[in-house]
């Protein structure tokens, strides 16, 4: 600890002036139960940042809070700032957030079947986001633009797809429609909430390529939420690790995956190695399970599952390091590497097995 500096992320002045999105001190509560605690990070222009952690860690809730889409009964506090927009988005009126969503910032949801309107054809849903924000020209121009967007996400037979309803499309096709909608108005910030979870490996690789390409071509900042560390290694420049509604570690992908400091991050990386087994042939795991919301321990939220925990961990650990490269742990690991870092997925192009077209999908 002697060579490290304890900082408050809100006071860190080292952030670049071209930050697109700034999240500081974000808390989310339902009644008296805290779900997110002091979440803070920044996305620079064109930067791709991964947000990882087990289910129940608060990843999707963070995204929904940023987008102003929290369910009724949940209350957010803190600060969310978007470049070129005055004030705190958490205090913004619904009409103002509706203007920003789909134009300045967009989100690709995990399950497109529930995100898409089942009563609207795919092309109409792409054109709708243009019409809502007064972009794309006339109705005919918007239809033509919708077709171009479907083609841009490499949709097989886009002319047929645009006339189909969501239930008539495959999972990969529905997710491509979602991506076309998210990219339609050239957003500054793109949030992807596990967009490849329900897809097979071949289609998953294609989607990852499309997400990276779409963000890069628009110089958009990307927040990519996933369980898959190999996906993060493929897509992202930097990683945020979340547990118990808190950011517990942050850093560049290569550094964090080869020499993680926080015991939780170290457990995630070790458990991603499916070739590593102990003498009994068992894969490495993190002890215990993620507690239910509102039942995480006081102090360090990971201490009840951590082999390095001591009585001192009953107090909340300070953030050590910089806002984009640090950890919240008083017993961190040093620079010793883990057994193996996650390998990036291979480049999915060229695609030897294209996804079946709509004409091959039964309704």
Protein backbone atom coordinates (compact mmCIF):
# COMPACT_ATOMS: atom_id res chain seq x y z
CA UNK A 1 0.00 0.00 0.00
CA UNK A 2 2.97 2.31 0.48
CA UNK A 3 3.38 2.97 -3.23
CA UNK A 4 -0.32 3.52 -3.86
CA UNK A 5 -2.43 6.64 -3.56
CA UNK A 6 -5.88 6.70 -2.04
CA UNK A 7 -8.18 8.98 -4.01
CA UNK A 8 -11.84 9.83 -4.21
CA UNK A 9 -13.01 9.23 -7.77
CA UNK A 10 -15.21 12.31 -7.68
CA UNK A 11 -12.16 14.45 -6.87
CA UNK A 12 -9.86 12.90 -9.46
CA UNK A 13 -8.88 15.64 -11.91
CA UNK A 14 -6.85 13.37 -14.18
CA UNK A 15 -9.84 12.54 -16.40
CA UNK A 16 -9.63 13.54 -20.01
CA UNK A 17 -11.53 16.62 -21.12
CA UNK A 18 -13.29 14.60 -23.83
CA UNK A 19 -15.30 12.45 -21.42
CA UNK A 20 -18.63 11.59 -23.00
CA UNK A 21 -20.27 10.12 -19.92
CA UNK A 22 -19.48 10.79 -16.26
CA UNK A 23 -21.08 8.75 -13.48
CA UNK A 24 -20.29 9.82 -9.92
CA UNK A 25 -21.61 8.64 -6.57
CA UNK A 26 -24.50 6.74 -8.15
CA UNK A 27 -26.77 5.11 -5.56
CA UNK A 28 -30.00 3.22 -6.22
CA UNK A 29 -32.42 2.25 -3.46
CA UNK A 30 -35.76 0.56 -3.10
CA UNK A 31 -37.27 1.75 0.15
CA UNK A 32 -34.49 1.46 2.74
CA UNK A 33 -32.60 -1.21 0.81
CA UNK A 34 -29.54 -0.06 -1.09
CA UNK A 35 -28.93 -1.74 -4.46
CA UNK A 36 -26.11 0.40 -5.89
CA UNK A 37 -23.54 2.21 -3.77
CA UNK A 38 -21.21 5.04 -4.85
CA UNK A 39 -20.80 3.79 -8.41
CA UNK A 40 -18.47 6.01 -10.40
CA UNK A 41 -16.72 5.85 -13.78
CA UNK A 42 -16.12 7.81 -16.97
CA UNK A 43 -16.33 6.95 -20.66
CA UNK A 44 -14.04 8.85 -23.00
CA UNK A 45 -14.80 9.57 -26.64
CA UNK A 46 -14.48 6.36 -28.62
CA UNK A 47 -13.52 4.36 -25.52
CA UNK A 48 -14.82 0.81 -25.06
CA UNK A 49 -15.30 -0.18 -21.42
CA UNK A 50 -16.49 -3.53 -20.09
CA UNK A 51 -18.61 -3.96 -16.96
CA UNK A 52 -18.32 -7.47 -15.51
CA UNK A 53 -19.53 -9.36 -12.45
CA UNK A 54 -21.78 -12.20 -11.41
CA UNK A 55 -25.56 -12.03 -11.80
CA UNK A 56 -26.98 -9.84 -9.05
CA UNK A 57 -23.93 -7.57 -8.89
CA UNK A 58 -25.81 -4.52 -10.22
CA UNK A 59 -24.55 -4.28 -13.79
CA UNK A 60 -27.91 -4.00 -15.57
CA UNK A 61 -29.27 -1.76 -12.82
CA UNK A 62 -26.38 0.64 -13.45
CA UNK A 63 -27.25 0.81 -17.14
CA UNK A 64 -30.96 1.36 -16.46
CA UNK A 65 -30.17 4.15 -13.99
CA UNK A 66 -27.98 5.91 -16.56
CA UNK A 67 -30.69 5.63 -19.22
CA UNK A 68 -33.44 6.82 -16.87
CA UNK A 69 -35.29 3.52 -17.18
CA UNK A 70 -35.45 2.35 -13.57
CA UNK A 71 -38.65 0.48 -12.63
CA UNK A 72 -41.19 2.22 -10.42
CA UNK A 73 -40.19 2.17 -6.76
CA UNK A 74 -36.45 2.43 -7.38
CA UNK A 75 -34.83 5.79 -6.61
CA UNK A 76 -31.46 6.94 -7.95
CA UNK A 77 -29.20 9.62 -6.50
CA UNK A 78 -25.74 10.90 -7.34
CA UNK A 79 -24.70 12.39 -10.66
CA UNK A 80 -24.83 11.27 -14.30
CA UNK A 81 -23.46 13.74 -16.80
CA UNK A 82 -23.51 13.58 -20.60
CA UNK A 83 -21.16 15.74 -22.65
CA UNK A 84 -22.93 18.66 -24.29
CA UNK A 85 -25.88 18.38 -21.89
CA UNK A 86 -26.26 20.60 -18.84
CA UNK A 87 -27.18 19.33 -15.42
CA UNK A 88 -27.65 15.96 -13.80
CA UNK A 89 -29.52 13.39 -15.90
CA UNK A 90 -30.84 11.80 -12.73
CA UNK A 91 -32.83 15.01 -12.13
CA UNK A 92 -33.97 15.41 -15.73
CA UNK A 93 -37.67 15.39 -16.59
CA UNK A 94 -39.05 12.39 -18.45
CA UNK A 95 -39.58 14.42 -21.62
CA UNK A 96 -35.94 15.49 -21.63
CA UNK A 97 -34.70 11.92 -21.11
CA UNK A 98 -36.98 10.72 -23.89
CA UNK A 99 -35.29 13.23 -26.20
CA UNK A 100 -31.81 12.01 -25.23
CA UNK A 101 -32.57 8.28 -25.41
CA UNK A 102 -32.20 6.95 -28.92
CA UNK A 103 -30.46 10.14 -30.06
CA UNK A 104 -27.53 11.01 -27.78
CA UNK A 105 -27.36 7.66 -25.98
CA UNK A 106 -28.75 4.27 -26.90
CA UNK A 107 -29.00 0.82 -25.36
CA UNK A 108 -29.05 -2.71 -26.76
CA UNK A 109 -30.93 -4.96 -24.35
CA UNK A 110 -30.18 -8.56 -23.47
CA UNK A 111 -33.46 -10.02 -24.68
CA UNK A 112 -34.74 -8.42 -27.90
CA UNK A 113 -37.98 -10.40 -27.86
CA UNK A 114 -39.12 -8.39 -24.84
CA UNK A 115 -37.54 -5.12 -26.02
CA UNK A 116 -39.05 -5.10 -29.51
CA UNK A 117 -42.71 -4.31 -30.13
CA UNK A 118 -44.40 -7.59 -31.16
CA UNK A 119 -47.10 -5.70 -33.09
CA UNK A 120 -44.73 -3.74 -35.34
CA UNK A 121 -42.69 -4.94 -38.29
CA UNK A 122 -38.92 -4.79 -37.88
CA UNK A 123 -38.39 -2.05 -40.46
CA UNK A 124 -41.11 0.12 -38.93
CA UNK A 125 -39.40 -0.11 -35.54
CA UNK A 126 -36.09 1.05 -37.00
CA UNK A 127 -37.83 3.90 -38.83
CA UNK A 128 -39.77 4.85 -35.70
CA UNK A 129 -36.66 5.91 -33.76
CA UNK A 130 -35.82 8.28 -36.61
CA UNK A 131 -39.35 9.73 -36.65
CA UNK A 132 -39.47 10.20 -32.86
CA UNK A 133 -36.45 12.48 -33.01
CA UNK A 134 -37.52 14.26 -36.19
CA UNK A 135 -34.71 12.77 -38.26
CA UNK A 136 -34.57 10.86 -41.51
CA UNK A 137 -36.79 13.14 -43.62
CA UNK A 138 -40.12 11.97 -45.00
CA UNK A 139 -41.76 8.64 -44.27
CA UNK A 140 -40.38 7.21 -47.49
CA UNK A 141 -36.91 8.52 -46.65
CA UNK A 142 -37.08 6.94 -43.20
CA UNK A 143 -38.10 3.60 -44.69
CA UNK A 144 -35.15 3.77 -47.05
CA UNK A 145 -32.84 4.68 -44.16
CA UNK A 146 -34.20 1.78 -42.10
CA UNK A 147 -33.34 -0.59 -44.93
CA UNK A 148 -29.83 0.89 -45.08
CA UNK A 149 -29.38 0.38 -41.34
CA UNK A 150 -30.50 -3.25 -41.53
CA UNK A 151 -28.03 -3.77 -44.34
CA UNK A 152 -25.30 -2.02 -42.31
CA UNK A 153 -25.67 -4.61 -39.52
CA UNK A 154 -25.17 -7.24 -42.22
CA UNK A 155 -28.70 -8.56 -42.10
CA UNK A 156 -29.26 -11.31 -44.64
CA UNK A 157 -32.15 -10.35 -46.94
CA UNK A 158 -32.85 -6.98 -45.24
CA UNK A 159 -35.78 -6.25 -47.57
CA UNK A 160 -37.59 -9.34 -46.28
CA UNK A 161 -36.57 -8.76 -42.66
CA UNK A 162 -38.02 -5.26 -42.56
CA UNK A 163 -41.45 -6.65 -43.44
CA UNK A 164 -41.38 -9.35 -40.75
CA UNK A 165 -42.58 -9.23 -37.15
CA UNK A 166 -40.15 -10.04 -34.30
CA UNK A 167 -41.58 -13.54 -33.72
CA UNK A 168 -40.81 -14.38 -37.34
CA UNK A 169 -37.09 -13.70 -36.89
CA UNK A 170 -34.29 -15.71 -35.34
CA UNK A 171 -32.58 -14.56 -32.15
CA UNK A 172 -29.59 -13.25 -34.09
CA UNK A 173 -31.81 -11.35 -36.49
CA UNK A 174 -33.78 -9.76 -33.66
CA UNK A 175 -30.56 -8.65 -32.00
CA UNK A 176 -29.36 -7.11 -35.26
CA UNK A 177 -32.63 -5.18 -35.46
CA UNK A 178 -31.99 -3.92 -31.92
CA UNK A 179 -28.48 -2.82 -32.89
CA UNK A 180 -29.79 -1.04 -36.00
CA UNK A 181 -32.28 0.86 -33.82
CA UNK A 182 -29.56 1.77 -31.30
CA UNK A 183 -27.20 3.07 -34.00
CA UNK A 184 -29.83 4.81 -36.14
CA UNK A 185 -29.27 8.33 -34.80
CA UNK A 186 -25.48 8.17 -34.40
CA UNK A 187 -25.42 8.17 -30.56
CA UNK A 188 -22.49 9.48 -28.54
CA UNK A 189 -22.87 6.70 -25.96
CA UNK A 190 -23.86 3.10 -26.67
CA UNK A 191 -24.70 0.71 -23.81
CA UNK A 192 -24.90 -3.01 -24.58
CA UNK A 193 -26.38 -5.19 -21.83
CA UNK A 194 -25.22 -8.74 -22.56
CA UNK A 195 -26.41 -8.58 -26.17
CA UNK A 196 -24.90 -11.96 -27.12
CA UNK A 197 -25.97 -14.11 -24.15
CA UNK A 198 -28.77 -15.99 -25.94
CA UNK A 199 -26.91 -16.42 -29.25
CA UNK A 200 -24.90 -19.36 -30.50
CA UNK A 201 -21.14 -19.00 -30.82
CA UNK A 202 -21.05 -18.21 -34.54
CA UNK A 203 -23.74 -15.53 -34.36
CA UNK A 204 -22.23 -14.18 -31.13
CA UNK A 205 -18.92 -13.55 -32.90
CA UNK A 206 -20.71 -11.72 -35.70
CA UNK A 207 -22.62 -9.54 -33.24
CA UNK A 208 -19.45 -8.59 -31.35
CA UNK A 209 -17.85 -7.56 -34.61
CA UNK A 210 -20.90 -5.43 -35.48
CA UNK A 211 -21.00 -3.73 -32.07
CA UNK A 212 -17.31 -2.80 -32.22
CA UNK A 213 -17.60 -1.66 -35.83
CA UNK A 214 -20.73 0.40 -35.16
CA UNK A 215 -19.18 2.16 -32.16
CA UNK A 216 -15.86 2.76 -33.91
CA UNK A 217 -17.41 4.17 -37.07
CA UNK A 218 -19.41 6.68 -34.99
CA UNK A 219 -16.64 7.40 -32.46
CA UNK A 220 -19.22 6.40 -29.85
CA UNK A 221 -18.30 5.54 -26.27
CA UNK A 222 -19.25 1.95 -25.49
CA UNK A 223 -20.24 0.42 -22.14
CA UNK A 224 -20.39 -3.34 -22.67
CA UNK A 225 -22.00 -5.43 -19.92
CA UNK A 226 -21.23 -9.15 -19.92
CA UNK A 227 -20.45 -12.25 -17.86
CA UNK A 228 -17.98 -13.47 -20.47
CA UNK A 229 -14.40 -12.36 -19.80
CA UNK A 230 -13.28 -13.54 -23.25
CA UNK A 231 -15.82 -11.16 -24.78
CA UNK A 232 -14.38 -8.29 -22.74
CA UNK A 233 -10.88 -9.20 -23.90
CA UNK A 234 -12.13 -9.06 -27.49
CA UNK A 235 -14.22 -5.88 -27.35
CA UNK A 236 -12.95 -3.58 -24.59
CA UNK A 237 -10.01 -1.31 -23.77
CA UNK A 238 -10.74 -1.06 -20.06
CA UNK A 239 -12.73 -3.05 -17.49
CA UNK A 240 -14.89 -2.23 -14.47
CA UNK A 241 -15.52 -5.06 -12.00
CA UNK A 242 -18.75 -4.87 -10.02
CA UNK A 243 -19.85 -6.81 -6.96
CA UNK A 244 -22.57 -6.09 -4.43
CA UNK A 245 -23.62 -2.92 -6.22
CA UNK A 246 -20.10 -1.44 -6.05
CA UNK A 247 -17.19 -1.01 -8.42
CA UNK A 248 -14.44 -3.04 -6.72
CA UNK A 249 -11.70 -2.78 -9.36
CA UNK A 250 -10.95 -0.99 -12.62
CA UNK A 251 -8.08 -1.10 -15.06
CA UNK A 252 -6.84 -1.78 -18.59
CA UNK A 253 -7.97 -5.17 -19.92
CA UNK A 254 -4.55 -6.81 -20.20
CA UNK A 255 -3.37 -5.59 -16.82
CA UNK A 256 -6.52 -6.48 -14.94
CA UNK A 257 -6.85 -9.95 -16.44
CA UNK A 258 -3.20 -10.92 -15.94
CA UNK A 259 -2.53 -9.42 -12.49
CA UNK A 260 -5.83 -8.51 -10.78
CA UNK A 261 -5.53 -6.88 -7.36
CA UNK A 262 -8.98 -7.49 -5.87
CA UNK A 263 -9.67 -11.05 -4.64
CA UNK A 264 -13.06 -11.03 -6.37
CA UNK A 265 -11.53 -10.13 -9.73
CA UNK A 266 -8.89 -12.78 -9.20
CA UNK A 267 -11.62 -15.34 -8.57
CA UNK A 268 -13.47 -14.35 -11.74
CA UNK A 269 -10.34 -14.64 -13.86
CA UNK A 270 -9.32 -17.97 -12.33
CA UNK A 271 -12.79 -19.46 -12.81
CA UNK A 272 -12.79 -18.49 -16.48
CA UNK A 273 -10.02 -21.03 -17.15
CA UNK A 274 -11.93 -24.18 -18.10
CA UNK A 275 -8.69 -26.16 -18.46
CA UNK A 276 -7.56 -25.60 -14.85
CA UNK A 277 -8.61 -28.34 -12.42
CA UNK A 278 -7.43 -29.34 -8.96
CA UNK A 279 -6.24 -32.79 -7.86
CA UNK A 280 -9.84 -33.93 -7.61
CA UNK A 281 -10.61 -32.76 -11.15
CA UNK A 282 -12.72 -29.79 -10.03
CA UNK A 283 -12.77 -26.43 -11.78
CA UNK A 284 -11.80 -23.32 -9.76
CA UNK A 285 -14.77 -21.47 -8.29
CA UNK A 286 -15.47 -18.51 -6.04
CA UNK A 287 -16.68 -19.80 -2.63
CA UNK A 288 -20.30 -19.15 -1.67
CA UNK A 289 -23.01 -17.40 -3.68
CA UNK A 290 -23.97 -13.82 -4.40
CA UNK A 291 -26.19 -12.64 -1.50
CA UNK A 292 -29.68 -11.38 -2.18
CA UNK A 293 -30.14 -7.63 -2.65
CA UNK A 294 -29.95 -5.82 0.66
CA UNK A 295 -28.10 -8.66 2.44
CA UNK A 296 -24.52 -7.90 1.45
CA UNK A 297 -22.26 -7.45 4.48
CA UNK A 298 -21.29 -4.02 5.79
CA UNK A 299 -17.76 -2.90 5.01
CA UNK A 300 -16.19 -4.80 2.12
CA UNK A 301 -19.10 -6.40 0.28
CA UNK A 302 -16.97 -9.41 -0.68
CA UNK A 303 -15.57 -10.21 2.77
CA UNK A 304 -17.92 -13.13 3.53
CA UNK A 305 -16.58 -14.97 0.47
CA UNK A 306 -12.96 -13.82 0.62
CA UNK A 307 -10.12 -15.96 1.92
CA UNK A 308 -8.04 -12.86 2.69
CA UNK A 309 -10.69 -11.13 4.82
CA UNK A 310 -9.85 -9.91 8.31
CA UNK A 311 -11.69 -7.93 10.98
CA UNK A 312 -10.44 -4.75 9.31
CA UNK A 313 -12.65 -5.58 6.32
CA UNK A 314 -15.72 -4.73 8.41
CA UNK A 315 -15.00 -1.10 7.45
CA UNK A 316 -15.63 0.09 3.87
CA UNK A 317 -12.34 -0.05 1.93
CA UNK A 318 -11.18 3.20 0.30
CA UNK A 319 -10.60 3.42 -3.42
CA UNK A 320 -6.88 2.99 -4.05
CA UNK A 321 -5.32 4.28 -7.28
CA UNK A 322 -6.87 6.38 -10.04
CA UNK A 323 -10.51 6.44 -11.13
CA UNK A 324 -9.74 4.27 -14.19
CA UNK A 325 -7.03 2.07 -12.65
CA UNK A 326 -7.53 1.10 -9.02
CA UNK A 327 -9.36 -1.10 -6.54
CA UNK A 328 -11.35 -1.07 -3.31
CA UNK A 329 -9.54 -3.60 -1.10
CA UNK A 330 -7.27 -3.30 1.94
CA UNK A 331 -5.69 -6.73 1.32
CA UNK A 332 -5.01 -6.63 -2.43
CA UNK A 333 -2.84 -9.03 -4.35
CA UNK A 334 0.47 -7.79 -5.74
CA UNK A 335 1.71 -8.22 -9.29
CA UNK A 336 1.75 -12.02 -9.24
CA UNK A 337 -0.18 -13.28 -12.26
CA UNK A 338 -3.11 -15.65 -12.25
CA UNK A 339 -2.72 -18.97 -13.99
CA UNK A 340 -4.08 -17.79 -17.32
CA UNK A 341 -5.74 -14.70 -18.69
CA UNK A 342 -8.88 -14.94 -20.83
CA UNK A 343 -8.11 -15.24 -24.52
CA UNK A 344 -9.82 -12.92 -26.98
CA UNK A 345 -12.23 -14.54 -29.37
CA UNK A 346 -10.92 -15.00 -32.93
CA UNK A 347 -11.83 -12.46 -35.59
CA UNK A 348 -15.23 -13.60 -36.87
CA UNK A 349 -14.52 -12.37 -40.41
CA UNK A 350 -14.68 -13.81 -42.96
CA UNK A 351 -17.85 -15.66 -41.99
CA UNK A 352 -17.84 -19.19 -43.45
CA UNK A 353 -21.27 -19.98 -41.97
CA UNK A 354 -23.64 -17.04 -42.55
CA UNK A 355 -26.81 -16.92 -40.49
CA UNK A 356 -29.88 -18.33 -42.30
CA UNK A 357 -32.07 -15.77 -44.00
CA UNK A 358 -35.64 -14.97 -43.12
CA UNK A 359 -36.84 -17.23 -45.91
CA UNK A 360 -35.31 -20.18 -44.00
CA UNK A 361 -36.92 -19.24 -40.68
CA UNK A 362 -40.37 -20.57 -39.99
CA UNK A 363 -42.89 -18.24 -38.40
